[in-house]
C-alpha cells in the first residue's frame, strides 16, 4: 500500500477545527510507523490513498483538498482503535517490549522449519500446535496479514483479537476470535529457528522456551474519518463486494 498520511494535530479541547496539518508521505510500513510513534501524543490521523487497497486510507488523492477542508471545518468523526502491547520473555526476563497496530506474529525463521508452540489465554492452556506460525491480529489488522491467511474480519468496535494459525500441520486448527481483555501467551516448545515481528517492523529472534505475552494496550490509535465514511462501504469498495451482481441490478 502506498499512501500519504495527514496528521491533524489537535488544537486542544476544541478538536481539530483550528489544527495544523502535517503531511507524512509514506508507503504502508511508514504509515504504521507514524501511527505507532504518535500513539501517546493522541494525534488523530487520516490517510490519503494513492491508488492501492489501503484499508486505513479513507480519502482518494483526487479528493484530498476538499476532504481536508471539510475536516478542518469540523466535519469529521474520530474513531479509536485498539493496539496490542507485546513482551517477549526469556528465562523469566523481558527482552523486548513494543506495540502493534495490526498484528503480532510468531513464525518460522530463515531455515523454513515448522515451529511448535503452546497457546494460553489468561493462563488457561488452549492447545499445542505445529505450524509455520500464528498471527494475533487487532480489528485493524484483521484486514491486513491475517486476511490473507483466511482470518476473520473484525469490525473496529468489536472488543476482540483474532488468532490465526499459519499453515498448521493439522486440518482442525481454525482461526479463533477471543476477548481483547484476556492475556495471550505463546510459548515456543520446539523451534530451531523462530522469529517474532510486530506490524512487520520490530523483529526479534525467539528460541525454545521463549514466551510472547500479548494484551490490549491502554493506549489507542485515533483515526479521523471524513463526512460520509462507512466501514462496510469501505470494505465493499476495497474488497469489491457485490461487483458481479451490479450488472444484473441494472438490467432489472
C-alpha atoms as a PDB file:
ATOM      1  CA  UNK A   1       0.000   0.000   0.000  1.00  0.00           C
ATOM      2  CA  UNK A   2       1.343   3.426  -0.951  1.00  0.00           C
ATOM      3  CA  UNK A   3      -0.259   6.274   0.897  1.00  0.00           C
ATOM      4  CA  UNK A   4       0.049   9.781   2.233  1.00  0.00           C
ATOM      5  CA  UNK A   5      -0.838  10.167   5.861  1.00  0.00           C
ATOM      6  CA  UNK A   6      -2.041  13.535   7.047  1.00  0.00           C
ATOM      7  CA  UNK A   7      -1.648  14.031  10.780  1.00  0.00           C
ATOM      8  CA  UNK A   8      -4.105  16.563  12.151  1.00  0.00           C
ATOM      9  CA  UNK A   9      -2.638  17.955  15.326  1.00  0.00           C
ATOM     10  CA  UNK A  10      -5.344  18.842  17.797  1.00  0.00           C
ATOM     11  CA  UNK A  11      -5.666  22.427  18.957  1.00  0.00           C
ATOM     12  CA  UNK A  12      -6.770  21.343  22.419  1.00  0.00           C
ATOM     13  CA  UNK A  13     -10.291  20.585  23.578  1.00  0.00           C
ATOM     14  CA  UNK A  14     -11.742  22.344  20.536  1.00  0.00           C
ATOM     15  CA  UNK A  15     -10.731  19.370  18.365  1.00  0.00           C
ATOM     16  CA  UNK A  16      -9.026  19.764  15.024  1.00  0.00           C
ATOM     17  CA  UNK A  17     -11.008  22.666  13.591  1.00  0.00           C
ATOM     18  CA  UNK A  18      -8.070  25.041  14.015  1.00  0.00           C
ATOM     19  CA  UNK A  19      -5.447  22.370  13.599  1.00  0.00           C
ATOM     20  CA  UNK A  20      -2.096  22.442  11.942  1.00  0.00           C
ATOM     21  CA  UNK A  21      -1.871  19.964   9.089  1.00  0.00           C
ATOM     22  CA  UNK A  22       1.253  17.829   8.801  1.00  0.00           C
ATOM     23  CA  UNK A  23       1.660  15.507   5.827  1.00  0.00           C
ATOM     24  CA  UNK A  24       3.819  12.419   6.001  1.00  0.00           C
ATOM     25  CA  UNK A  25       4.351  10.872   2.565  1.00  0.00           C
ATOM     26  CA  UNK A  26       4.955   7.168   3.097  1.00  0.00           C
ATOM     27  CA  UNK A  27       4.480   3.614   1.971  1.00  0.00           C
ATOM     28  CA  UNK A  28       2.386   1.241   4.034  1.00  0.00           C
ATOM     29  CA  UNK A  29       5.125   0.439   6.560  1.00  0.00           C
ATOM     30  CA  UNK A  30       5.788   4.126   7.204  1.00  0.00           C
ATOM     31  CA  UNK A  31       2.066   4.751   7.706  1.00  0.00           C
ATOM     32  CA  UNK A  32       2.169   2.276  10.583  1.00  0.00           C
ATOM     33  CA  UNK A  33       5.422   3.747  11.905  1.00  0.00           C
ATOM     34  CA  UNK A  34       3.791   7.192  12.001  1.00  0.00           C
ATOM     35  CA  UNK A  35       0.743   5.844  13.809  1.00  0.00           C
ATOM     36  CA  UNK A  36       2.844   3.971  16.388  1.00  0.00           C
ATOM     37  CA  UNK A  37       5.043   6.984  17.040  1.00  0.00           C
ATOM     38  CA  UNK A  38       2.063   9.288  17.566  1.00  0.00           C
ATOM     39  CA  UNK A  39       0.088   6.998  19.878  1.00  0.00           C
ATOM     40  CA  UNK A  40       0.965   8.579  23.191  1.00  0.00           C
ATOM     41  CA  UNK A  41       0.580  12.099  21.787  1.00  0.00           C
ATOM     42  CA  UNK A  42      -3.023  11.152  20.905  1.00  0.00           C
ATOM     43  CA  UNK A  43      -2.598  12.757  17.483  1.00  0.00           C
ATOM     44  CA  UNK A  44      -5.513  11.851  15.191  1.00  0.00           C
ATOM     45  CA  UNK A  45      -4.594  10.542  11.747  1.00  0.00           C
ATOM     46  CA  UNK A  46      -6.288  10.436   8.380  1.00  0.00           C
ATOM     47  CA  UNK A  47      -4.983   8.504   5.369  1.00  0.00           C
ATOM     48  CA  UNK A  48      -4.967   9.619   1.742  1.00  0.00           C
ATOM     49  CA  UNK A  49      -4.963   6.774  -0.785  1.00  0.00           C
ATOM     50  CA  UNK A  50      -2.652   6.944  -3.784  1.00  0.00           C
ATOM     51  CA  UNK A  51      -4.054   4.038  -5.737  1.00  0.00           C
ATOM     52  CA  UNK A  52      -3.858   0.684  -3.941  1.00  0.00           C
ATOM     53  CA  UNK A  53      -6.150  -1.077  -1.473  1.00  0.00           C
ATOM     54  CA  UNK A  54      -5.358   0.988   1.630  1.00  0.00           C
ATOM     55  CA  UNK A  55      -7.796  -0.072   4.367  1.00  0.00           C
ATOM     56  CA  UNK A  56      -6.541   2.794   6.555  1.00  0.00           C
ATOM     57  CA  UNK A  57      -6.773   5.424   3.814  1.00  0.00           C
ATOM     58  CA  UNK A  58     -10.240   6.979   3.567  1.00  0.00           C
ATOM     59  CA  UNK A  59      -9.574   9.807   1.141  1.00  0.00           C
ATOM     60  CA  UNK A  60      -8.799   9.489  -2.572  1.00  0.00           C
ATOM     61  CA  UNK A  61      -5.820  11.578  -3.721  1.00  0.00           C
ATOM     62  CA  UNK A  62      -8.050  13.450  -6.182  1.00  0.00           C
ATOM     63  CA  UNK A  63     -10.339  14.498  -3.313  1.00  0.00           C
ATOM     64  CA  UNK A  64      -7.643  15.410  -0.805  1.00  0.00           C
ATOM     65  CA  UNK A  65      -8.037  19.188  -0.881  1.00  0.00           C
ATOM     66  CA  UNK A  66     -11.808  19.219  -0.419  1.00  0.00           C
ATOM     67  CA  UNK A  67     -11.678  16.439   2.169  1.00  0.00           C
ATOM     68  CA  UNK A  68      -9.035  18.171   4.289  1.00  0.00           C
ATOM     69  CA  UNK A  69     -11.017  21.432   4.059  1.00  0.00           C
ATOM     70  CA  UNK A  70     -14.049  19.552   5.411  1.00  0.00           C
ATOM     71  CA  UNK A  71     -12.003  18.105   8.268  1.00  0.00           C
ATOM     72  CA  UNK A  72     -10.598  21.486   9.243  1.00  0.00           C
ATOM     73  CA  UNK A  73     -14.134  22.857   9.086  1.00  0.00           C
ATOM     74  CA  UNK A  74     -15.107  20.388  11.808  1.00  0.00           C
ATOM     75  CA  UNK A  75     -16.960  17.889   9.627  1.00  0.00           C
ATOM     76  CA  UNK A  76     -15.429  14.607  10.704  1.00  0.00           C
ATOM     77  CA  UNK A  77     -15.709  11.731  13.138  1.00  0.00           C
ATOM     78  CA  UNK A  78     -12.928  10.291  15.297  1.00  0.00           C
ATOM     79  CA  UNK A  79     -12.657   6.561  15.861  1.00  0.00           C
ATOM     80  CA  UNK A  80     -10.403   4.929  18.440  1.00  0.00           C
ATOM     81  CA  UNK A  81      -8.715   1.651  17.523  1.00  0.00           C
ATOM     82  CA  UNK A  82      -7.113  -0.838  19.893  1.00  0.00           C
ATOM     83  CA  UNK A  83      -3.434  -1.775  19.987  1.00  0.00           C
ATOM     84  CA  UNK A  84      -1.504  -4.811  21.126  1.00  0.00           C
ATOM     85  CA  UNK A  85       1.075  -4.468  23.878  1.00  0.00           C
ATOM     86  CA  UNK A  86       3.740  -7.137  23.386  1.00  0.00           C
ATOM     87  CA  UNK A  87       6.529  -8.514  25.551  1.00  0.00           C
ATOM     88  CA  UNK A  88       8.962 -11.317  24.782  1.00  0.00           C
ATOM     89  CA  UNK A  89      10.234 -13.068  27.905  1.00  0.00           C
ATOM     90  CA  UNK A  90      13.279 -15.333  28.093  1.00  0.00           C
ATOM     91  CA  UNK A  91      14.053 -17.215  31.296  1.00  0.00           C
ATOM     92  CA  UNK A  92      11.542 -15.006  33.081  1.00  0.00           C
ATOM     93  CA  UNK A  93      13.130 -11.739  31.960  1.00  0.00           C
ATOM     94  CA  UNK A  94      11.786  -9.324  29.324  1.00  0.00           C
ATOM     95  CA  UNK A  95      13.972  -8.994  26.214  1.00  0.00           C
ATOM     96  CA  UNK A  96      11.612  -6.869  24.079  1.00  0.00           C
ATOM     97  CA  UNK A  97       8.638  -4.612  24.693  1.00  0.00           C
ATOM     98  CA  UNK A  98       6.732  -2.980  21.842  1.00  0.00           C
ATOM     99  CA  UNK A  99       3.309  -2.082  20.431  1.00  0.00           C
ATOM    100  CA  UNK A 100       1.462  -3.360  17.380  1.00  0.00           C
ATOM    101  CA  UNK A 101      -1.338  -1.656  15.479  1.00  0.00           C
ATOM    102  CA  UNK A 102      -2.068  -4.526  13.066  1.00  0.00           C
ATOM    103  CA  UNK A 103      -0.652  -7.764  14.386  1.00  0.00           C
ATOM    104  CA  UNK A 104       1.957  -9.694  16.308  1.00  0.00           C
ATOM    105  CA  UNK A 105       3.330 -12.770  14.544  1.00  0.00           C
ATOM    106  CA  UNK A 106       5.429 -15.679  15.748  1.00  0.00           C
ATOM    107  CA  UNK A 107       6.731 -17.632  12.793  1.00  0.00           C
ATOM    108  CA  UNK A 108       9.473 -19.767  11.364  1.00  0.00           C
ATOM    109  CA  UNK A 109      12.776 -18.100  10.644  1.00  0.00           C
ATOM    110  CA  UNK A 110      15.204 -18.340   7.755  1.00  0.00           C
ATOM    111  CA  UNK A 111      15.513 -22.150   7.922  1.00  0.00           C
ATOM    112  CA  UNK A 112      11.858 -22.585   6.942  1.00  0.00           C
ATOM    113  CA  UNK A 113      11.113 -25.336   9.503  1.00  0.00           C
ATOM    114  CA  UNK A 114       7.835 -25.767  11.344  1.00  0.00           C
ATOM    115  CA  UNK A 115       7.717 -24.454  14.873  1.00  0.00           C
ATOM    116  CA  UNK A 116       5.768 -25.961  17.778  1.00  0.00           C
ATOM    117  CA  UNK A 117       4.121 -23.732  20.344  1.00  0.00           C
ATOM    118  CA  UNK A 118       1.607 -23.741  23.174  1.00  0.00           C
ATOM    119  CA  UNK A 119      -1.184 -21.191  23.413  1.00  0.00           C
ATOM    120  CA  UNK A 120      -2.581 -19.916  26.727  1.00  0.00           C
ATOM    121  CA  UNK A 121      -5.437 -17.482  27.388  1.00  0.00           C
ATOM    122  CA  UNK A 122      -5.443 -15.889  30.846  1.00  0.00           C
ATOM    123  CA  UNK A 123      -3.211 -18.744  31.981  1.00  0.00           C
ATOM    124  CA  UNK A 124      -5.535 -21.455  30.658  1.00  0.00           C
ATOM    125  CA  UNK A 125      -3.963 -23.962  28.269  1.00  0.00           C
ATOM    126  CA  UNK A 126      -5.724 -23.910  24.870  1.00  0.00           C
ATOM    127  CA  UNK A 127      -3.661 -26.096  22.531  1.00  0.00           C
ATOM    128  CA  UNK A 128      -0.262 -27.154  21.236  1.00  0.00           C
ATOM    129  CA  UNK A 129       0.245 -26.612  17.516  1.00  0.00           C
ATOM    130  CA  UNK A 130       2.860 -27.328  14.880  1.00  0.00           C
ATOM    131  CA  UNK A 131       2.684 -24.720  12.142  1.00  0.00           C
ATOM    132  CA  UNK A 132       4.584 -22.081  10.230  1.00  0.00           C
ATOM    133  CA  UNK A 133       3.431 -19.733  12.967  1.00  0.00           C
ATOM    134  CA  UNK A 134       0.467 -17.807  14.324  1.00  0.00           C
ATOM    135  CA  UNK A 135      -0.918 -14.299  13.819  1.00  0.00           C
ATOM    136  CA  UNK A 136      -2.568 -12.357  16.627  1.00  0.00           C
ATOM    137  CA  UNK A 137      -4.456  -9.533  14.917  1.00  0.00           C
ATOM    138  CA  UNK A 138      -6.325  -6.486  16.164  1.00  0.00           C
ATOM    139  CA  UNK A 139      -9.564  -5.471  14.416  1.00  0.00           C
ATOM    140  CA  UNK A 140      -7.470  -3.036  12.359  1.00  0.00           C
ATOM    141  CA  UNK A 141      -5.051  -5.838  11.462  1.00  0.00           C
ATOM    142  CA  UNK A 142      -7.849  -8.235  10.569  1.00  0.00           C
ATOM    143  CA  UNK A 143      -7.838  -6.705   7.069  1.00  0.00           C
ATOM    144  CA  UNK A 144      -4.039  -6.978   6.769  1.00  0.00           C
ATOM    145  CA  UNK A 145      -1.806 -10.084   7.021  1.00  0.00           C
ATOM    146  CA  UNK A 146      -4.498 -12.046   8.867  1.00  0.00           C
ATOM    147  CA  UNK A 147      -6.943 -11.540   5.991  1.00  0.00           C
ATOM    148  CA  UNK A 148      -4.558 -13.227   3.535  1.00  0.00           C
ATOM    149  CA  UNK A 149      -4.266 -16.139   5.997  1.00  0.00           C
ATOM    150  CA  UNK A 150      -8.067 -16.680   5.917  1.00  0.00           C
ATOM    151  CA  UNK A 151      -8.681 -14.959   9.231  1.00  0.00           C
ATOM    152  CA  UNK A 152     -11.976 -13.279  10.167  1.00  0.00           C
ATOM    153  CA  UNK A 153     -12.710  -9.604   9.524  1.00  0.00           C
ATOM    154  CA  UNK A 154     -13.354  -7.895  12.867  1.00  0.00           C
ATOM    155  CA  UNK A 155     -15.338  -4.669  12.938  1.00  0.00           C
ATOM    156  CA  UNK A 156     -13.285  -1.966  14.730  1.00  0.00           C
ATOM    157  CA  UNK A 157     -15.846  -1.745  17.537  1.00  0.00           C
ATOM    158  CA  UNK A 158     -15.641  -5.477  18.311  1.00  0.00           C
ATOM    159  CA  UNK A 159     -13.571  -5.924  21.517  1.00  0.00           C
ATOM    160  CA  UNK A 160     -11.624  -8.915  20.230  1.00  0.00           C
ATOM    161  CA  UNK A 161      -8.383 -10.209  18.782  1.00  0.00           C
ATOM    162  CA  UNK A 162      -8.123 -12.828  16.050  1.00  0.00           C
ATOM    163  CA  UNK A 163      -5.795 -15.831  16.487  1.00  0.00           C
ATOM    164  CA  UNK A 164      -4.930 -17.115  13.020  1.00  0.00           C
ATOM    165  CA  UNK A 165      -2.648 -20.180  12.559  1.00  0.00           C
ATOM    166  CA  UNK A 166      -0.238 -20.078   9.624  1.00  0.00           C
ATOM    167  CA  UNK A 167      -0.219 -23.329   7.638  1.00  0.00           C
ATOM    168  CA  UNK A 168      -0.934 -25.598  10.628  1.00  0.00           C
ATOM    169  CA  UNK A 169       0.101 -29.253  10.372  1.00  0.00           C
ATOM    170  CA  UNK A 170      -3.480 -30.348  11.073  1.00  0.00           C
ATOM    171  CA  UNK A 171      -6.828 -29.822   9.375  1.00  0.00           C
ATOM    172  CA  UNK A 172      -8.633 -28.988  12.623  1.00  0.00           C
ATOM    173  CA  UNK A 173      -6.778 -25.791  13.548  1.00  0.00           C
ATOM    174  CA  UNK A 174      -9.050 -22.855  12.733  1.00  0.00           C
ATOM    175  CA  UNK A 175      -8.929 -19.093  13.364  1.00  0.00           C
ATOM    176  CA  UNK A 176     -10.451 -18.103  16.692  1.00  0.00           C
ATOM    177  CA  UNK A 177     -11.612 -14.711  17.965  1.00  0.00           C
ATOM    178  CA  UNK A 178     -11.015 -14.000  21.658  1.00  0.00           C
ATOM    179  CA  UNK A 179     -11.802 -11.145  24.021  1.00  0.00           C
ATOM    180  CA  UNK A 180      -9.333  -8.278  23.899  1.00  0.00           C
ATOM    181  CA  UNK A 181      -9.420  -8.246  27.694  1.00  0.00           C
ATOM    182  CA  UNK A 182      -7.581 -11.546  28.014  1.00  0.00           C
ATOM    183  CA  UNK A 183      -3.826 -12.083  28.177  1.00  0.00           C
ATOM    184  CA  UNK A 184      -2.478 -14.182  25.320  1.00  0.00           C
ATOM    185  CA  UNK A 185       0.690 -16.219  25.796  1.00  0.00           C
ATOM    186  CA  UNK A 186       2.532 -18.095  23.063  1.00  0.00           C
ATOM    187  CA  UNK A 187       5.262 -20.404  24.372  1.00  0.00           C
ATOM    188  CA  UNK A 188       7.761 -21.979  21.981  1.00  0.00           C
ATOM    189  CA  UNK A 189       8.080 -25.700  22.644  1.00  0.00           C
ATOM    190  CA  UNK A 190      10.274 -26.701  19.695  1.00  0.00           C
ATOM    191  CA  UNK A 191      11.894 -24.234  17.352  1.00  0.00           C
ATOM    192  CA  UNK A 192      15.371 -24.365  15.876  1.00  0.00           C
ATOM    193  CA  UNK A 193      14.772 -21.045  14.185  1.00  0.00           C
ATOM    194  CA  UNK A 194      11.836 -18.763  15.030  1.00  0.00           C
ATOM    195  CA  UNK A 195      11.153 -15.078  14.870  1.00  0.00           C
ATOM    196  CA  UNK A 196       8.576 -12.624  16.172  1.00  0.00           C
ATOM    197  CA  UNK A 197       7.602  -9.476  14.350  1.00  0.00           C
ATOM    198  CA  UNK A 198       5.126  -6.706  15.072  1.00  0.00           C
ATOM    199  CA  UNK A 199       3.457  -4.899  12.163  1.00  0.00           C
ATOM    200  CA  UNK A 200       6.323  -6.312  10.105  1.00  0.00           C
ATOM    201  CA  UNK A 201       8.676  -3.843  11.786  1.00  0.00           C
ATOM    202  CA  UNK A 202      10.096  -4.780  15.200  1.00  0.00           C
ATOM    203  CA  UNK A 203      11.836  -8.124  14.798  1.00  0.00           C
ATOM    204  CA  UNK A 204      13.227 -10.425  17.447  1.00  0.00           C
ATOM    205  CA  UNK A 205      14.621 -13.951  17.220  1.00  0.00           C
ATOM    206  CA  UNK A 206      12.954 -16.468  19.529  1.00  0.00           C
ATOM    207  CA  UNK A 207      14.094 -19.855  20.788  1.00  0.00           C
ATOM    208  CA  UNK A 208      12.781 -22.844  22.662  1.00  0.00           C
ATOM    209  CA  UNK A 209      11.192 -21.805  25.954  1.00  0.00           C
ATOM    210  CA  UNK A 210      10.719 -18.153  24.948  1.00  0.00           C
ATOM    211  CA  UNK A 211       7.334 -16.678  25.714  1.00  0.00           C
ATOM    212  CA  UNK A 212       5.417 -13.944  23.859  1.00  0.00           C
ATOM    213  CA  UNK A 213       2.890 -12.189  26.109  1.00  0.00           C
ATOM    214  CA  UNK A 214       0.201 -10.065  24.446  1.00  0.00           C
ATOM    215  CA  UNK A 215      -2.539  -7.901  25.898  1.00  0.00           C
ATOM    216  CA  UNK A 216      -4.562  -4.878  24.889  1.00  0.00           C
ATOM    217  CA  UNK A 217      -2.654  -1.647  25.335  1.00  0.00           C
ATOM    218  CA  UNK A 218      -4.035   1.171  27.457  1.00  0.00           C
ATOM    219  CA  UNK A 219      -3.226   3.465  24.507  1.00  0.00           C
ATOM    220  CA  UNK A 220      -5.363   3.742  21.377  1.00  0.00           C
ATOM    221  CA  UNK A 221      -4.873   4.963  17.817  1.00  0.00           C
ATOM    222  CA  UNK A 222      -7.241   7.773  16.799  1.00  0.00           C
ATOM    223  CA  UNK A 223      -8.358   7.816  13.168  1.00  0.00           C
ATOM    224  CA  UNK A 224     -10.174  10.770  11.636  1.00  0.00           C
ATOM    225  CA  UNK A 225     -12.921   9.888   9.134  1.00  0.00           C
ATOM    226  CA  UNK A 226     -14.287  12.371   6.584  1.00  0.00           C
ATOM    227  CA  UNK A 227     -18.014  13.038   6.096  1.00  0.00           C
ATOM    228  CA  UNK A 228     -19.886  10.042   4.708  1.00  0.00           C
ATOM    229  CA  UNK A 229     -17.395   7.437   5.925  1.00  0.00           C
ATOM    230  CA  UNK A 230     -18.820   3.921   6.292  1.00  0.00           C
ATOM    231  CA  UNK A 231     -16.771   0.925   7.416  1.00  0.00           C
ATOM    232  CA  UNK A 232     -18.831  -1.525   5.387  1.00  0.00           C
ATOM    233  CA  UNK A 233     -18.879   0.860   2.450  1.00  0.00           C
ATOM    234  CA  UNK A 234     -15.075   0.872   2.640  1.00  0.00           C
ATOM    235  CA  UNK A 235     -14.959  -2.941   2.714  1.00  0.00           C
ATOM    236  CA  UNK A 236     -17.380  -3.138  -0.191  1.00  0.00           C
ATOM    237  CA  UNK A 237     -15.140  -0.857  -2.250  1.00  0.00           C
ATOM    238  CA  UNK A 238     -11.754  -2.295  -1.255  1.00  0.00           C
ATOM    239  CA  UNK A 239     -12.784  -5.970  -1.459  1.00  0.00           C
ATOM    240  CA  UNK A 240     -15.030  -5.412  -4.479  1.00  0.00           C
ATOM    241  CA  UNK A 241     -18.048  -6.987  -2.874  1.00  0.00           C
ATOM    242  CA  UNK A 242     -21.224  -7.245  -4.992  1.00  0.00           C
ATOM    243  CA  UNK A 243     -19.491  -6.285  -8.242  1.00  0.00           C
ATOM    244  CA  UNK A 244     -20.776  -9.407 -10.010  1.00  0.00           C
ATOM    245  CA  UNK A 245     -24.410  -8.649  -9.168  1.00  0.00           C
ATOM    246  CA  UNK A 246     -24.321  -4.941 -10.091  1.00  0.00           C
ATOM    247  CA  UNK A 247     -24.935  -5.536 -13.843  1.00  0.00           C
ATOM    248  CA  UNK A 248     -27.900  -7.774 -13.015  1.00  0.00           C
ATOM    249  CA  UNK A 249     -29.480  -4.996 -10.959  1.00  0.00           C
ATOM    250  CA  UNK A 250     -29.019  -2.560 -13.836  1.00  0.00           C
ATOM    251  CA  UNK A 251     -30.890  -4.936 -16.161  1.00  0.00           C
ATOM    252  CA  UNK A 252     -33.889  -5.332 -13.840  1.00  0.00           C
END
